[in-house]
Amino acid sequence: MALIPNRTKYRKVQKGRIRGKAKRGDFIAFGDYGIQTLESGKISAQQIEAARIAINRYLKRKGKVWIRIFPQKPITKKPAETRMGKGKGNVDHWVAVVRPGNILFEVSGCPIGLAREAMRLADGKLSVRCRFVAKEGLE
């Protein structure tokens, strides 16, 4: 299951800058526990999928998992050994842009120890530092 948009307004986008803290998606909305980013960066669709699989394998279908981010930014790449110029490269992969404070995954329906370990395994698959967070009153 590849996480890519069905369609986009523009095929290629500019690089942009990631500045500031998360303005939305920075609190637990669906589950009881989650992982929150501590730094900004780009998380690829492959990393999101690897983290999702790690969580589901560890939980063994005991809880429900929500993915709170989606890779909607295309990253382009020119082929190897190509000279400069001749336009922008083709879309290589898709990334989700995250800022400090974004909740990436949420889990509910399992004990806190199980959720903490599942999130630790998922954190190892991601390219940004994260921390385990729980809903108010569940710590």
C-alpha atoms as a PDB file:
ATOM      1  CA  MET A   1       0.000   0.000   0.000  1.00  0.00           C
ATOM      2  CA  ALA A   2       1.910   3.033  -1.247  1.00  0.00           C
ATOM      3  CA  LEU A   3       1.004   6.345   0.352  1.00  0.00           C
ATOM      4  CA  ILE A   4       0.780   8.794  -2.553  1.00  0.00           C
ATOM      5  CA  PRO A   5      -1.875  11.366  -3.455  1.00  0.00           C
ATOM      6  CA  ASN A   6      -4.516  10.360  -6.004  1.00  0.00           C
ATOM      7  CA  ARG A   7      -4.010  13.615  -7.863  1.00  0.00           C
ATOM      8  CA  THR A   8      -2.305  16.939  -7.292  1.00  0.00           C
ATOM      9  CA  LYS A   9      -2.799  20.414  -8.706  1.00  0.00           C
ATOM     10  CA  TYR A  10       0.867  20.640  -9.724  1.00  0.00           C
ATOM     11  CA  ARG A  11       3.185  17.799 -10.690  1.00  0.00           C
ATOM     12  CA  LYS A  12       6.328  19.329  -9.142  1.00  0.00           C
ATOM     13  CA  VAL A  13       6.730  21.778  -6.262  1.00  0.00           C
ATOM     14  CA  GLN A  14       9.548  23.999  -5.037  1.00  0.00           C
ATOM     15  CA  LYS A  15      11.737  22.947  -2.122  1.00  0.00           C
ATOM     16  CA  GLY A  16      10.503  25.458   0.442  1.00  0.00           C
ATOM     17  CA  ARG A  17      11.640  25.917   4.037  1.00  0.00           C
ATOM     18  CA  ILE A  18      10.372  24.341   7.242  1.00  0.00           C
ATOM     19  CA  ARG A  19      10.096  27.040   9.898  1.00  0.00           C
ATOM     20  CA  GLY A  20       8.414  27.268  13.293  1.00  0.00           C
ATOM     21  CA  LYS A  21       6.396  24.868  15.374  1.00  0.00           C
ATOM     22  CA  ALA A  22       3.346  22.861  14.300  1.00  0.00           C
ATOM     23  CA  LYS A  23       0.222  25.018  14.076  1.00  0.00           C
ATOM     24  CA  ARG A  24      -2.183  22.087  13.867  1.00  0.00           C
ATOM     25  CA  GLY A  25      -2.080  18.341  14.432  1.00  0.00           C
ATOM     26  CA  ASP A  26      -0.143  18.884  17.660  1.00  0.00           C
ATOM     27  CA  PHE A  27      -2.483  17.137  20.121  1.00  0.00           C
ATOM     28  CA  ILE A  28      -3.850  13.599  20.483  1.00  0.00           C
ATOM     29  CA  ALA A  29      -7.266  13.598  18.818  1.00  0.00           C
ATOM     30  CA  PHE A  30      -8.253   9.961  18.183  1.00  0.00           C
ATOM     31  CA  GLY A  31      -6.262   7.527  20.334  1.00  0.00           C
ATOM     32  CA  ASP A  32      -4.864   7.397  23.873  1.00  0.00           C
ATOM     33  CA  TYR A  33      -1.123   7.378  23.097  1.00  0.00           C
ATOM     34  CA  GLY A  34       1.022   8.750  20.280  1.00  0.00           C
ATOM     35  CA  ILE A  35       4.435   9.871  19.086  1.00  0.00           C
ATOM     36  CA  GLN A  36       5.227  13.559  18.668  1.00  0.00           C
ATOM     37  CA  THR A  37       8.067  15.059  16.653  1.00  0.00           C
ATOM     38  CA  LEU A  38      10.778  17.049  18.426  1.00  0.00           C
ATOM     39  CA  GLU A  39      12.380  18.480  15.283  1.00  0.00           C
ATOM     40  CA  SER A  40      11.384  19.491  11.788  1.00  0.00           C
ATOM     41  CA  GLY A  41      12.084  17.404   8.718  1.00  0.00           C
ATOM     42  CA  LYS A  42      10.671  15.339   5.880  1.00  0.00           C
ATOM     43  CA  ILE A  43       9.332  11.831   6.416  1.00  0.00           C
ATOM     44  CA  SER A  44       9.083   9.702   3.284  1.00  0.00           C
ATOM     45  CA  ALA A  45       6.131   7.484   2.420  1.00  0.00           C
ATOM     46  CA  GLN A  46       8.387   4.432   2.831  1.00  0.00           C
ATOM     47  CA  GLN A  47       9.332   5.487   6.375  1.00  0.00           C
ATOM     48  CA  ILE A  48       5.674   6.020   7.325  1.00  0.00           C
ATOM     49  CA  GLU A  49       4.790   2.576   5.983  1.00  0.00           C
ATOM     50  CA  ALA A  50       7.730   0.932   7.791  1.00  0.00           C
ATOM     51  CA  ALA A  51       6.697   2.580  11.081  1.00  0.00           C
ATOM     52  CA  ARG A  52       3.054   1.523  10.594  1.00  0.00           C
ATOM     53  CA  ILE A  53       4.106  -2.101   9.991  1.00  0.00           C
ATOM     54  CA  ALA A  54       6.376  -2.032  13.077  1.00  0.00           C
ATOM     55  CA  ILE A  55       3.503  -0.782  15.267  1.00  0.00           C
ATOM     56  CA  ASN A  56       0.989  -3.309  13.924  1.00  0.00           C
ATOM     57  CA  ARG A  57       3.413  -6.220  14.250  1.00  0.00           C
ATOM     58  CA  TYR A  58       4.218  -5.379  17.853  1.00  0.00           C
ATOM     59  CA  LEU A  59       0.611  -4.748  18.895  1.00  0.00           C
ATOM     60  CA  LYS A  60      -0.515  -7.999  17.198  1.00  0.00           C
ATOM     61  CA  ARG A  61      -3.918  -6.448  16.315  1.00  0.00           C
ATOM     62  CA  LYS A  62      -4.643  -5.600  19.976  1.00  0.00           C
ATOM     63  CA  GLY A  63      -5.256  -1.880  19.422  1.00  0.00           C
ATOM     64  CA  LYS A  64      -6.320   0.597  16.778  1.00  0.00           C
ATOM     65  CA  VAL A  65      -3.717   2.703  14.953  1.00  0.00           C
ATOM     66  CA  TRP A  66      -4.167   6.120  13.331  1.00  0.00           C
ATOM     67  CA  ILE A  67      -1.664   7.698  10.925  1.00  0.00           C
ATOM     68  CA  ARG A  68      -1.900  11.466  11.363  1.00  0.00           C
ATOM     69  CA  ILE A  69       0.436  12.538   8.535  1.00  0.00           C
ATOM     70  CA  PHE A  70       0.260  12.068   4.785  1.00  0.00           C
ATOM     71  CA  PRO A  71       3.062  12.397   2.193  1.00  0.00           C
ATOM     72  CA  GLN A  72       1.728  15.049  -0.173  1.00  0.00           C
ATOM     73  CA  LYS A  73       4.944  16.769  -1.285  1.00  0.00           C
ATOM     74  CA  PRO A  74       6.699  15.376  -4.382  1.00  0.00           C
ATOM     75  CA  ILE A  75      10.512  15.214  -4.306  1.00  0.00           C
ATOM     76  CA  THR A  76      12.186  15.245  -7.714  1.00  0.00           C
ATOM     77  CA  LYS A  77      15.523  13.765  -8.729  1.00  0.00           C
ATOM     78  CA  LYS A  78      17.568  13.904 -11.885  1.00  0.00           C
ATOM     79  CA  PRO A  79      18.988  10.615 -13.197  1.00  0.00           C
ATOM     80  CA  ALA A  80      22.549   9.616 -12.268  1.00  0.00           C
ATOM     81  CA  GLU A  81      25.359  10.940 -14.495  1.00  0.00           C
ATOM     82  CA  THR A  82      23.197  13.659 -16.050  1.00  0.00           C
ATOM     83  CA  ARG A  83      24.602  17.092 -16.848  1.00  0.00           C
ATOM     84  CA  MET A  84      23.176  20.203 -15.224  1.00  0.00           C
ATOM     85  CA  GLY A  85      20.340  22.073 -16.922  1.00  0.00           C
ATOM     86  CA  LYS A  86      17.577  20.645 -19.125  1.00  0.00           C
ATOM     87  CA  GLY A  87      14.894  21.307 -16.516  1.00  0.00           C
ATOM     88  CA  LYS A  88      13.791  19.860 -13.235  1.00  0.00           C
ATOM     89  CA  GLY A  89      13.985  16.077 -12.711  1.00  0.00           C
ATOM     90  CA  ASN A  90      11.064  13.685 -12.508  1.00  0.00           C
ATOM     91  CA  VAL A  91       9.199  12.909  -9.266  1.00  0.00           C
ATOM     92  CA  ASP A  92      11.238  10.349  -7.315  1.00  0.00           C
ATOM     93  CA  HIS A  93       9.264   9.928  -4.074  1.00  0.00           C
ATOM     94  CA  TRP A  94       6.718  11.612  -1.798  1.00  0.00           C
ATOM     95  CA  VAL A  95       7.314  13.104   1.658  1.00  0.00           C
ATOM     96  CA  ALA A  96       5.312  14.484   4.566  1.00  0.00           C
ATOM     97  CA  VAL A  97       6.714  17.753   5.904  1.00  0.00           C
ATOM     98  CA  VAL A  98       6.659  17.793   9.724  1.00  0.00           C
ATOM     99  CA  ARG A  99       7.400  20.502  12.282  1.00  0.00           C
ATOM    100  CA  PRO A 100       8.189  20.149  16.002  1.00  0.00           C
ATOM    101  CA  GLY A 101       5.003  19.143  17.824  1.00  0.00           C
ATOM    102  CA  ASN A 102       3.277  17.164  15.051  1.00  0.00           C
ATOM    103  CA  ILE A 103       1.599  13.942  16.190  1.00  0.00           C
ATOM    104  CA  LEU A 104       2.593  11.213  13.730  1.00  0.00           C
ATOM    105  CA  PHE A 105       0.839   8.055  14.988  1.00  0.00           C
ATOM    106  CA  GLU A 106      -1.847   7.402  17.574  1.00  0.00           C
ATOM    107  CA  VAL A 107      -2.827   4.139  19.274  1.00  0.00           C
ATOM    108  CA  SER A 108      -5.714   3.134  21.530  1.00  0.00           C
ATOM    109  CA  GLY A 109      -7.133  -0.064  22.999  1.00  0.00           C
ATOM    110  CA  CYS A 110      -3.888  -1.405  24.487  1.00  0.00           C
ATOM    111  CA  PRO A 111      -1.910  -1.054  27.754  1.00  0.00           C
ATOM    112  CA  ILE A 112       0.542   1.845  28.078  1.00  0.00           C
ATOM    113  CA  GLY A 113       3.596  -0.472  28.202  1.00  0.00           C
ATOM    114  CA  LEU A 114       2.616  -2.121  24.931  1.00  0.00           C
ATOM    115  CA  ALA A 115       1.931   1.252  23.283  1.00  0.00           C
ATOM    116  CA  ARG A 116       5.227   2.730  24.511  1.00  0.00           C
ATOM    117  CA  GLU A 117       7.283  -0.134  23.064  1.00  0.00           C
ATOM    118  CA  ALA A 118       5.357  -0.092  19.764  1.00  0.00           C
ATOM    119  CA  MET A 119       5.993   3.646  19.422  1.00  0.00           C
ATOM    120  CA  ARG A 120       9.690   3.168  20.272  1.00  0.00           C
ATOM    121  CA  LEU A 121       9.985   0.668  17.423  1.00  0.00           C
ATOM    122  CA  ALA A 122       8.188   3.069  15.058  1.00  0.00           C
ATOM    123  CA  ASP A 123      10.461   5.943  16.136  1.00  0.00           C
ATOM    124  CA  GLY A 124      13.466   3.922  14.984  1.00  0.00           C
ATOM    125  CA  LYS A 125      12.084   3.840  11.441  1.00  0.00           C
ATOM    126  CA  LEU A 126      11.653   7.623  11.160  1.00  0.00           C
ATOM    127  CA  SER A 127      14.170  10.295  10.174  1.00  0.00           C
ATOM    128  CA  VAL A 128      13.193  12.785  12.911  1.00  0.00           C
ATOM    129  CA  ARG A 129      13.499  12.559  16.697  1.00  0.00           C
ATOM    130  CA  CYS A 130      10.206  11.807  18.459  1.00  0.00           C
ATOM    131  CA  ARG A 131       8.812  11.321  21.944  1.00  0.00           C
ATOM    132  CA  PHE A 132       6.023   9.204  23.408  1.00  0.00           C
ATOM    133  CA  VAL A 133       2.967  11.178  24.535  1.00  0.00           C
ATOM    134  CA  ALA A 134      -0.249  10.135  26.294  1.00  0.00           C
ATOM    135  CA  LYS A 135      -3.658  11.791  26.508  1.00  0.00           C
ATOM    136  CA  GLU A 136      -4.321  13.954  29.581  1.00  0.00           C
ATOM    137  CA  GLY A 137      -4.961  11.750  32.626  1.00  0.00           C
ATOM    138  CA  LEU A 138      -3.494   8.557  31.121  1.00  0.00           C
ATOM    139  CA  GLU A 139       0.200   9.075  31.998  1.00  0.00           C
END
